[in-house]
Amino acid sequence: MTLTRSMTVQEVIDAAPVSAYQWRVLACCFLVVTLDGFDTASIGFIAPAIRQQWQLDAAHLAPLFGAGLFGLTLGALIFGPMADRFGRKNIMQFSVAFFGLMSVLSAFATDMNTLTILRFLTGLGLGGAMPNAITLTSEFVPARRRAGLVTLMFCGFTLGSALGGVVSAQWVPHIGWEGILILGGVMPLVLCVVLWKALPESPRYRVLKQYQPEKVAEVLKKITGKNYDDVHFHLDEKPAEKGAVAALFSREILPTTLLLWCVFFMSLLIIYSLSSWLPTMLNSGGVDLQHAAWVTTAFQVGGTAGAILIGMMMDRFNPYWTLAGSYALGAVFIVLISVSEGSLWAMSLAVLGTGIGISGSQVGLNALSAALYPTQCRATGVSWSNAIGRCGAIFGSLSGGLMLSWNISFSTMFVVISSPAVVATLALVALRFQHRHTRIVAPRITVLSE
């Protein structure tokens, strides 16, 4: 009789410090979301140049932005289930290569209709890249540091957004809007080669798809530096009984799915409403556009700081209560914006607090969603939650304009915008009670006899 140790993949990862190999995976995913942020920001900065060159009205640019968001939504819906079936690495590589190629082709568009279609296709690729970066990172890192490391990885989006804005503002006069799109396409194509060489497939996915034991052990050895020749690996969850999409709507997971969707929708509704319309709203409240732009910057700064802070708190304290408290705090700060008229410092602090509470929580929410879903449908769960969130983003990008067109008062607008944060808070409280008898990570060790 030969004794073979049986271990879960997660307990092996949890027992070891974060290695250089795991930091390499984190860096690869960081670069993917950085390029996502670059594309998202740069299209807004090159839009005026497109408008001027093609002699367009401002209204003609709306389909360009809408097409990208719609592509992101559909891409998340399509590529999430594909990642659960064909592998996180494979689908992320394809998504990055696809949005890079479409961005390059966009530079050669000769009219708005063609450019809008290509921006939609670019969005398709982007929609598959980001959720898989979240999924891969969450499956490679120890549970005790998962939220903090996923949020750290996601800060690449903020860096990419900043780079997209700076590069576009500085280089459009020299290389034109076409050059910015080519740059935004070539970088993902180069990164795709790096991913092919440097990025491994998730060890949890390898176990799920019953790879040869040595293929699983190979990755884990690079993480821990130990040999696992006599180990049988399994997952710390029930065997898959349904497909990835069907699993989201199974009796056990459906409440989690619906509550997460509610939080994602409300969260991105607020973020896109403020990021799209905050300068205009502040201007309607008597703040000149130059100061309004500076005040709005505080929202992005708060989001970055909040993501790191909230991620660390989620690893140390109960993640549900951490996020619920953050959204509740965000709601309070949104209301404070409405009562800070006349004081730019007070308004800036309120906007900073809003960024910490709302935008920072959104990043933490991505980490939580990856932890809540089992391996068989994790990529689908994260992707579809992001897709529902994009629907909220579309609604949010429209809602600010509607409120301004209805001549709603300055204070009332922000009270209305705070309402979804309250709903998100209540949904997270319900999610906490839904999972009060379960743990996000439940490793176990058994001994098998052969």
Protein backbone atom coordinates (compact mmCIF):
# COMPACT_ATOMS: atom_id res chain seq x y z
CA MET A 1 0.00 0.00 0.00
CA THR A 2 1.37 3.39 -1.03
CA LEU A 3 0.29 6.50 0.80
CA THR A 4 -0.36 9.48 -1.46
CA ARG A 5 -0.96 12.88 0.01
CA SER A 6 -4.04 14.66 -1.23
CA MET A 7 -3.98 18.45 -1.13
CA THR A 8 -6.01 21.30 -2.51
CA VAL A 9 -4.25 23.70 -4.86
CA GLN A 10 -5.26 26.63 -2.66
CA GLU A 11 -3.70 25.21 0.51
CA VAL A 12 -0.38 24.77 -1.30
CA ILE A 13 -0.48 28.41 -2.43
CA ASP A 14 -1.65 29.60 0.99
CA ALA A 15 1.18 27.82 2.82
CA ALA A 16 3.92 29.65 0.90
CA PRO A 17 4.99 33.29 0.74
CA VAL A 18 4.23 35.21 -2.44
CA SER A 19 7.00 34.22 -4.86
CA ALA A 20 8.66 35.96 -7.80
CA TYR A 21 6.70 33.63 -10.07
CA GLN A 22 3.40 34.91 -8.67
CA TRP A 23 4.59 38.51 -8.96
CA ARG A 24 5.29 37.78 -12.63
CA VAL A 25 1.68 36.69 -13.13
CA LEU A 26 0.54 39.80 -11.26
CA ALA A 27 2.73 41.99 -13.49
CA CYS A 28 1.33 40.43 -16.67
CA CYS A 29 -2.26 41.03 -15.53
CA PHE A 30 -1.31 44.55 -14.37
CA LEU A 31 -0.07 45.34 -17.89
CA VAL A 32 -3.29 44.01 -19.43
CA VAL A 33 -5.53 46.30 -17.35
CA THR A 34 -3.06 49.18 -17.87
CA LEU A 35 -3.60 48.95 -21.62
CA ASP A 36 -7.35 48.77 -20.97
CA GLY A 37 -7.12 52.04 -19.04
CA PHE A 38 -4.95 53.60 -21.74
CA ASP A 39 -7.54 52.83 -24.42
CA THR A 40 -10.44 54.05 -22.26
CA ALA A 41 -8.80 57.41 -21.53
CA SER A 42 -7.20 58.06 -24.92
CA ILE A 43 -10.44 57.81 -26.90
CA GLY A 44 -11.87 60.67 -24.86
CA PHE A 45 -8.80 62.83 -25.48
CA ILE A 46 -8.63 62.19 -29.24
CA ALA A 47 -12.37 62.73 -29.76
CA PRO A 48 -11.99 66.53 -30.23
CA ALA A 49 -9.33 65.94 -32.91
CA ILE A 50 -11.63 63.49 -34.73
CA ARG A 51 -14.48 65.96 -34.48
CA GLN A 52 -12.36 68.78 -35.90
CA GLN A 53 -10.90 66.73 -38.76
CA TRP A 54 -14.24 65.34 -39.91
CA GLN A 55 -16.24 68.52 -39.14
CA LEU A 56 -18.68 66.79 -36.79
CA ASP A 57 -21.13 68.02 -34.19
CA ALA A 58 -20.67 66.92 -30.58
CA ALA A 59 -23.76 64.71 -30.89
CA HIS A 60 -22.01 62.65 -33.58
CA LEU A 61 -19.43 61.49 -31.03
CA ALA A 62 -22.01 59.86 -28.74
CA PRO A 63 -22.28 56.64 -30.83
CA LEU A 64 -18.48 56.36 -30.75
CA PHE A 65 -18.42 56.22 -26.95
CA GLY A 66 -21.57 54.10 -26.74
CA ALA A 67 -20.21 51.53 -29.18
CA GLY A 68 -17.16 50.97 -27.01
CA LEU A 69 -19.25 50.44 -23.87
CA PHE A 70 -21.62 48.10 -25.70
CA GLY A 71 -18.63 46.12 -27.00
CA LEU A 72 -17.23 45.86 -23.47
CA THR A 73 -20.54 44.50 -22.21
CA LEU A 74 -20.95 41.94 -24.97
CA GLY A 75 -17.28 40.93 -24.78
CA ALA A 76 -17.60 40.15 -21.09
CA LEU A 77 -20.71 38.04 -21.73
CA ILE A 78 -19.00 36.08 -24.53
CA PHE A 79 -15.45 35.60 -23.31
CA GLY A 80 -16.23 34.77 -19.67
CA PRO A 81 -17.82 31.37 -20.44
CA MET A 82 -15.14 30.75 -23.09
CA ALA A 83 -12.42 31.27 -20.46
CA ASP A 84 -14.06 28.70 -18.19
CA ARG A 85 -14.10 26.26 -21.10
CA PHE A 86 -10.83 26.94 -22.96
CA GLY A 87 -8.61 28.44 -20.26
CA ARG A 88 -8.02 31.84 -18.70
CA LYS A 89 -4.64 32.35 -20.37
CA ASN A 90 -5.82 31.37 -23.86
CA ILE A 91 -8.84 33.66 -23.85
CA MET A 92 -6.95 36.56 -22.29
CA GLN A 93 -4.23 36.27 -24.94
CA PHE A 94 -6.85 36.21 -27.69
CA SER A 95 -8.72 39.17 -26.19
CA VAL A 96 -5.54 41.27 -25.92
CA ALA A 97 -4.48 40.44 -29.47
CA PHE A 98 -7.99 41.13 -30.78
CA PHE A 99 -8.42 44.56 -29.19
CA GLY A 100 -4.89 45.49 -30.26
CA LEU A 101 -5.58 44.57 -33.88
CA MET A 102 -8.93 46.39 -33.89
CA SER A 103 -7.30 49.51 -32.43
CA VAL A 104 -4.71 49.53 -35.22
CA LEU A 105 -7.43 49.09 -37.84
CA SER A 106 -9.39 51.94 -36.25
CA ALA A 107 -6.59 54.32 -37.19
CA PHE A 108 -7.35 53.71 -40.87
CA ALA A 109 -11.10 54.43 -40.63
CA THR A 110 -12.24 57.01 -43.16
CA ASP A 111 -15.64 57.87 -41.71
CA MET A 112 -17.51 57.87 -38.40
CA ASN A 113 -19.59 54.76 -39.16
CA THR A 114 -16.50 52.65 -39.83
CA LEU A 115 -14.73 54.01 -36.75
CA THR A 116 -17.78 53.31 -34.58
CA ILE A 117 -17.91 49.68 -35.75
CA LEU A 118 -14.20 49.23 -35.09
CA ARG A 119 -14.54 50.80 -31.63
CA PHE A 120 -17.29 48.28 -30.90
CA LEU A 121 -14.95 45.45 -31.93
CA THR A 122 -12.17 46.94 -29.82
CA GLY A 123 -14.57 46.95 -26.88
CA LEU A 124 -15.31 43.26 -27.48
CA GLY A 125 -11.66 42.41 -26.90
CA LEU A 126 -11.37 44.69 -23.89
CA GLY A 127 -14.47 43.09 -22.39
CA GLY A 128 -12.74 39.71 -22.35
CA ALA A 129 -9.33 40.89 -21.16
CA MET A 130 -10.05 42.61 -17.84
CA PRO A 131 -12.24 39.93 -16.15
CA ASN A 132 -9.73 37.23 -17.04
CA ALA A 133 -6.92 39.31 -15.54
CA ILE A 134 -8.94 39.47 -12.32
CA THR A 135 -9.67 35.73 -12.41
CA LEU A 136 -6.08 34.69 -13.10
CA THR A 137 -4.68 36.92 -10.37
CA SER A 138 -7.19 35.64 -7.80
CA GLU A 139 -6.35 32.01 -8.62
CA PHE A 140 -2.59 32.49 -8.30
CA VAL A 141 -2.36 34.36 -4.99
CA PRO A 142 -2.81 33.19 -1.37
CA ALA A 143 -6.26 33.74 0.08
CA ARG A 144 -4.89 35.79 2.96
CA ARG A 145 -3.65 38.44 0.50
CA ARG A 146 -6.09 37.97 -2.36
CA ALA A 147 -8.11 41.19 -2.03
CA GLY A 148 -5.02 43.35 -1.55
CA LEU A 149 -3.12 41.87 -4.49
CA VAL A 150 -6.12 41.89 -6.85
CA THR A 151 -6.77 45.55 -6.05
CA LEU A 152 -3.05 46.32 -6.49
CA MET A 153 -3.15 44.64 -9.91
CA PHE A 154 -6.28 46.59 -10.83
CA CYS A 155 -4.52 49.90 -10.07
CA GLY A 156 -2.93 49.36 -13.48
CA PHE A 157 -6.20 50.64 -14.94
CA THR A 158 -5.75 53.99 -13.18
CA LEU A 159 -2.13 54.19 -14.33
CA GLY A 160 -3.18 53.38 -17.88
CA SER A 161 -5.89 56.02 -17.78
CA ALA A 162 -3.38 58.62 -16.62
CA LEU A 163 -0.90 57.60 -19.33
CA GLY A 164 -3.63 57.63 -21.96
CA GLY A 165 -4.57 61.17 -21.05
CA VAL A 166 -0.99 62.48 -20.88
CA VAL A 167 0.23 60.73 -24.05
CA SER A 168 -2.84 61.77 -26.04
CA ALA A 169 -2.68 65.39 -24.90
CA GLN A 170 1.05 65.64 -25.72
CA TRP A 171 1.28 63.60 -28.91
CA VAL A 172 -1.95 64.26 -30.82
CA PRO A 173 -0.51 67.51 -32.31
CA HIS A 174 2.49 65.52 -33.61
CA ILE A 175 1.13 62.11 -34.69
CA GLY A 176 -2.59 62.82 -34.94
CA TRP A 177 -5.44 60.80 -33.46
CA GLU A 178 -4.56 57.98 -35.85
CA GLY A 179 -1.11 57.69 -34.27
CA ILE A 180 -2.60 57.38 -30.80
CA LEU A 181 -4.84 54.52 -31.94
CA ILE A 182 -1.90 52.77 -33.62
CA LEU A 183 0.15 53.13 -30.42
CA GLY A 184 -2.80 51.81 -28.39
CA GLY A 185 -2.95 48.81 -30.72
CA VAL A 186 0.72 47.96 -31.12
CA MET A 187 1.32 47.83 -27.36
CA PRO A 188 -1.29 45.04 -26.81
CA LEU A 189 0.10 43.08 -29.77
CA VAL A 190 3.59 43.24 -28.27
CA LEU A 191 2.19 42.34 -24.84
CA CYS A 192 0.46 39.31 -26.36
CA VAL A 193 3.88 37.87 -27.25
CA VAL A 194 5.04 38.51 -23.67
CA LEU A 195 1.94 36.78 -22.28
CA TRP A 196 2.55 33.76 -24.50
CA LYS A 197 6.04 33.34 -23.07
CA ALA A 198 5.66 34.55 -19.47
CA LEU A 199 2.09 33.82 -18.35
CA PRO A 200 1.13 30.30 -17.17
CA GLU A 201 -2.32 28.81 -17.00
CA SER A 202 -4.08 28.81 -13.64
CA PRO A 203 -3.24 25.73 -11.50
CA ARG A 204 -6.86 25.60 -10.30
CA TYR A 205 -8.03 25.47 -13.92
CA ARG A 206 -5.50 22.71 -14.65
CA VAL A 207 -6.95 20.59 -11.84
CA LEU A 208 -10.52 21.38 -12.95
CA LYS A 209 -9.76 20.19 -16.49
CA GLN A 210 -7.89 17.13 -15.17
CA TYR A 211 -4.47 17.98 -16.57
CA GLN A 212 -1.75 15.42 -15.92
CA PRO A 213 -0.62 15.65 -12.26
CA GLU A 214 2.90 16.62 -13.31
CA LYS A 215 1.50 19.63 -15.21
CA VAL A 216 -0.17 20.87 -12.03
CA ALA A 217 2.89 20.10 -9.92
CA GLU A 218 5.09 21.95 -12.40
CA VAL A 219 3.32 25.27 -11.79
CA LEU A 220 3.08 24.79 -8.02
CA LYS A 221 6.79 23.96 -7.83
CA LYS A 222 7.57 27.31 -9.47
CA ILE A 223 5.41 29.01 -6.84
CA THR A 224 6.73 27.25 -3.74
CA GLY A 225 10.06 25.76 -4.84
CA LYS A 226 8.98 22.31 -3.57
CA ASN A 227 8.45 19.00 -5.36
CA TYR A 228 4.99 17.40 -5.42
CA ASP A 229 5.70 14.05 -7.05
CA ASP A 230 3.67 12.10 -4.46
CA VAL A 231 0.71 14.47 -4.24
CA HIS A 232 -2.79 14.13 -5.64
CA PHE A 233 -4.34 17.57 -6.18
CA HIS A 234 -8.02 18.40 -5.97
CA LEU A 235 -10.17 21.51 -5.61
CA ASP A 236 -11.74 22.73 -2.37
CA GLU A 237 -15.24 22.64 -3.88
CA LYS A 238 -17.85 20.26 -5.20
CA PRO A 239 -17.31 18.67 -8.63
CA ALA A 240 -18.91 20.53 -11.51
CA GLU A 241 -22.42 19.36 -12.31
CA LYS A 242 -23.44 22.12 -14.75
CA GLY A 243 -21.92 24.33 -17.39
CA ALA A 244 -20.40 27.66 -16.40
CA VAL A 245 -23.41 29.77 -17.38
CA ALA A 246 -25.96 27.36 -15.91
CA ALA A 247 -23.98 27.27 -12.66
CA LEU A 248 -24.52 31.01 -12.14
CA PHE A 249 -28.26 30.37 -11.99
CA SER A 250 -28.19 27.18 -9.93
CA ARG A 251 -30.14 27.17 -6.67
CA GLU A 252 -26.98 27.48 -4.57
CA ILE A 253 -25.34 30.32 -6.52
CA LEU A 254 -28.31 32.33 -7.89
CA PRO A 255 -28.77 34.56 -4.79
CA THR A 256 -25.06 35.42 -4.89
CA THR A 257 -25.25 36.17 -8.60
CA LEU A 258 -28.24 38.50 -8.31
CA LEU A 259 -26.88 40.40 -5.30
CA LEU A 260 -23.47 40.84 -6.94
CA TRP A 261 -25.12 42.07 -10.14
CA CYS A 262 -27.07 44.60 -8.11
CA VAL A 263 -23.91 45.97 -6.49
CA PHE A 264 -21.97 46.07 -9.78
CA PHE A 265 -24.82 47.87 -11.56
CA MET A 266 -25.24 50.49 -8.84
CA SER A 267 -21.51 50.99 -8.36
CA LEU A 268 -20.64 51.60 -12.00
CA LEU A 269 -23.77 53.71 -12.45
CA ILE A 270 -22.37 56.15 -9.87
CA ILE A 271 -18.79 56.01 -11.19
CA TYR A 272 -19.72 56.73 -14.80
CA SER A 273 -22.30 59.32 -13.83
CA LEU A 274 -19.67 61.26 -11.87
CA SER A 275 -16.72 60.69 -14.22
CA SER A 276 -18.82 61.77 -17.22
CA TRP A 277 -20.77 64.67 -15.76
CA LEU A 278 -19.13 65.88 -12.54
CA PRO A 279 -17.28 68.84 -14.15
CA THR A 280 -20.50 69.96 -15.86
CA MET A 281 -22.53 69.47 -12.67
CA LEU A 282 -20.03 71.51 -10.66
CA ASN A 283 -20.07 74.21 -13.33
CA SER A 284 -23.87 74.34 -13.12
CA GLY A 285 -23.41 74.90 -9.38
CA GLY A 286 -21.25 77.95 -9.96
CA VAL A 287 -17.74 76.47 -10.16
CA ASP A 288 -15.69 77.62 -13.16
CA LEU A 289 -14.60 74.85 -15.53
CA GLN A 290 -10.89 75.07 -14.66
CA HIS A 291 -11.52 74.55 -10.94
CA ALA A 292 -14.18 71.94 -11.73
CA ALA A 293 -11.55 69.92 -13.61
CA TRP A 294 -9.19 70.06 -10.62
CA VAL A 295 -11.93 69.07 -8.19
CA THR A 296 -12.88 66.12 -10.45
CA THR A 297 -9.26 64.91 -10.36
CA ALA A 298 -9.75 64.27 -6.64
CA PHE A 299 -12.28 61.56 -7.56
CA GLN A 300 -9.61 59.59 -9.48
CA VAL A 301 -6.99 60.12 -6.77
CA GLY A 302 -9.44 58.93 -4.13
CA GLY A 303 -10.31 55.88 -6.22
CA THR A 304 -6.68 54.76 -6.43
CA ALA A 305 -5.97 55.35 -2.73
CA GLY A 306 -9.29 53.76 -1.76
CA ALA A 307 -8.62 50.64 -3.85
CA ILE A 308 -5.35 49.94 -2.06
CA LEU A 309 -6.73 50.77 1.38
CA ILE A 310 -9.96 48.79 0.96
CA GLY A 311 -8.08 45.81 -0.49
CA MET A 312 -5.86 45.67 2.60
CA MET A 313 -8.87 46.00 4.89
CA MET A 314 -10.71 43.21 3.07
CA ASP A 315 -7.78 40.87 3.73
CA ARG A 316 -7.74 41.79 7.41
CA PHE A 317 -11.43 42.19 8.22
CA ASN A 318 -14.73 40.77 6.95
CA PRO A 319 -14.83 41.72 3.24
CA TYR A 320 -18.62 42.11 3.13
CA TRP A 321 -18.77 44.56 6.01
CA THR A 322 -15.70 46.39 4.68
CA LEU A 323 -17.32 46.99 1.29
CA ALA A 324 -20.76 47.75 2.77
CA GLY A 325 -19.20 50.35 5.06
CA SER A 326 -17.21 51.84 2.17
CA TYR A 327 -20.28 52.27 -0.03
CA ALA A 328 -22.22 53.76 2.89
CA LEU A 329 -19.36 56.21 3.49
CA GLY A 330 -19.34 57.00 -0.23
CA ALA A 331 -23.06 57.82 -0.09
CA VAL A 332 -22.42 60.26 2.76
CA PHE A 333 -19.62 62.01 0.86
CA ILE A 334 -21.78 62.31 -2.28
CA VAL A 335 -24.42 64.12 -0.20
CA LEU A 336 -21.66 66.31 1.28
CA ILE A 337 -20.77 67.47 -2.25
CA SER A 338 -24.24 68.95 -2.48
CA VAL A 339 -23.83 71.00 0.72
CA SER A 340 -20.28 72.18 0.02
CA GLU A 341 -21.20 74.96 -2.43
CA GLY A 342 -19.06 78.02 -1.91
CA SER A 343 -16.00 76.16 -0.59
CA LEU A 344 -13.70 74.51 -3.13
CA TRP A 345 -11.66 72.86 -0.38
CA ALA A 346 -14.73 71.30 1.22
CA MET A 347 -16.00 70.22 -2.19
CA SER A 348 -12.62 68.69 -3.11
CA LEU A 349 -12.52 66.73 0.14
CA ALA A 350 -16.07 65.48 -0.43
CA VAL A 351 -15.17 64.38 -3.98
CA LEU A 352 -11.99 62.71 -2.66
CA GLY A 353 -14.05 60.82 -0.08
CA THR A 354 -16.50 59.80 -2.81
CA GLY A 355 -13.62 58.39 -4.86
CA ILE A 356 -12.33 56.42 -1.88
CA GLY A 357 -15.75 55.07 -0.93
CA ILE A 358 -17.23 54.35 -4.37
CA SER A 359 -14.44 53.97 -6.94
CA GLY A 360 -12.16 52.25 -4.42
CA SER A 361 -14.92 49.83 -3.44
CA GLN A 362 -15.53 48.91 -7.07
CA VAL A 363 -12.00 47.50 -7.32
CA GLY A 364 -12.50 45.58 -4.06
CA LEU A 365 -15.79 44.27 -5.42
CA ASN A 366 -13.92 42.66 -8.33
CA ALA A 367 -11.73 40.81 -5.84
CA LEU A 368 -14.76 39.65 -3.86
CA SER A 369 -16.58 38.38 -6.96
CA ALA A 370 -13.58 36.25 -7.93
CA ALA A 371 -13.51 34.72 -4.45
CA LEU A 372 -17.23 33.93 -4.31
CA TYR A 373 -17.53 31.84 -7.47
CA PRO A 374 -16.21 28.26 -7.78
CA THR A 375 -13.47 27.47 -10.30
CA GLN A 376 -15.87 25.96 -12.86
CA CYS A 377 -17.65 29.29 -13.39
CA ARG A 378 -15.29 31.88 -11.88
CA ALA A 379 -14.34 33.59 -15.15
CA THR A 380 -17.99 33.59 -16.23
CA GLY A 381 -19.14 34.97 -12.86
CA VAL A 382 -16.58 37.78 -12.86
CA SER A 383 -17.16 38.59 -16.54
CA TRP A 384 -20.95 38.63 -16.36
CA SER A 385 -20.89 40.74 -13.19
CA ASN A 386 -18.71 43.24 -15.06
CA ALA A 387 -21.12 43.10 -18.01
CA ILE A 388 -24.06 43.98 -15.76
CA GLY A 389 -21.91 46.73 -14.31
CA ARG A 390 -21.32 48.09 -17.82
CA CYS A 391 -25.09 48.32 -18.24
CA GLY A 392 -25.09 50.49 -15.13
CA ALA A 393 -22.25 52.51 -16.67
CA ILE A 394 -24.31 53.18 -19.79
CA PHE A 395 -27.26 54.23 -17.67
CA GLY A 396 -25.00 56.42 -15.53
CA SER A 397 -23.42 58.15 -18.51
CA LEU A 398 -26.93 59.09 -19.68
CA SER A 399 -28.44 59.97 -16.29
CA GLY A 400 -26.26 63.01 -15.65
CA GLY A 401 -27.30 64.60 -18.92
CA LEU A 402 -30.94 63.89 -18.20
CA MET A 403 -30.81 65.52 -14.76
CA LEU A 404 -29.09 68.59 -16.20
CA SER A 405 -31.65 68.83 -19.00
CA TRP A 406 -34.45 68.66 -16.42
CA ASN A 407 -32.90 71.59 -14.53
CA ILE A 408 -32.74 69.63 -11.27
CA SER A 409 -31.11 71.67 -8.50
CA PHE A 410 -27.41 71.16 -7.64
CA SER A 411 -28.12 69.61 -4.23
CA THR A 412 -30.90 67.35 -5.50
CA MET A 413 -28.67 65.87 -8.22
CA PHE A 414 -26.15 64.58 -5.71
CA VAL A 415 -28.80 63.26 -3.36
CA VAL A 416 -30.20 61.27 -6.29
CA ILE A 417 -26.71 59.99 -7.20
CA SER A 418 -26.15 58.85 -3.60
CA SER A 419 -29.21 56.57 -3.73
CA PRO A 420 -27.54 53.73 -5.71
CA ALA A 421 -24.73 53.67 -3.11
CA VAL A 422 -27.33 53.01 -0.42
CA VAL A 423 -28.80 50.19 -2.52
CA ALA A 424 -25.29 48.72 -3.01
CA THR A 425 -24.73 48.85 0.74
CA LEU A 426 -27.96 46.96 1.46
CA ALA A 427 -27.16 44.36 -1.22
CA LEU A 428 -23.75 43.72 0.35
CA VAL A 429 -25.35 43.32 3.79
CA ALA A 430 -27.75 40.78 2.26
CA LEU A 431 -24.80 39.04 0.59
CA ARG A 432 -23.05 38.83 3.96
CA PHE A 433 -26.05 37.07 5.51
CA GLN A 434 -26.36 34.86 2.44
CA HIS A 435 -22.80 33.61 3.14
CA ARG A 436 -22.85 33.79 6.94
CA HIS A 437 -22.35 30.01 7.24
CA THR A 438 -19.70 29.70 4.54
CA ARG A 439 -16.07 30.66 4.19
CA ILE A 440 -14.51 32.12 1.05
CA VAL A 441 -11.67 29.66 1.36
CA ALA A 442 -12.16 26.18 2.84
CA PRO A 443 -9.00 24.11 2.31
CA ARG A 444 -8.86 20.55 3.47
CA ILE A 445 -6.22 17.82 3.66
CA THR A 446 -6.93 14.12 3.33
CA VAL A 447 -4.84 11.00 2.89
CA LEU A 448 -5.69 8.54 0.14
CA SER A 449 -4.57 4.92 0.12
CA GLU A 450 -3.82 3.19 -3.11
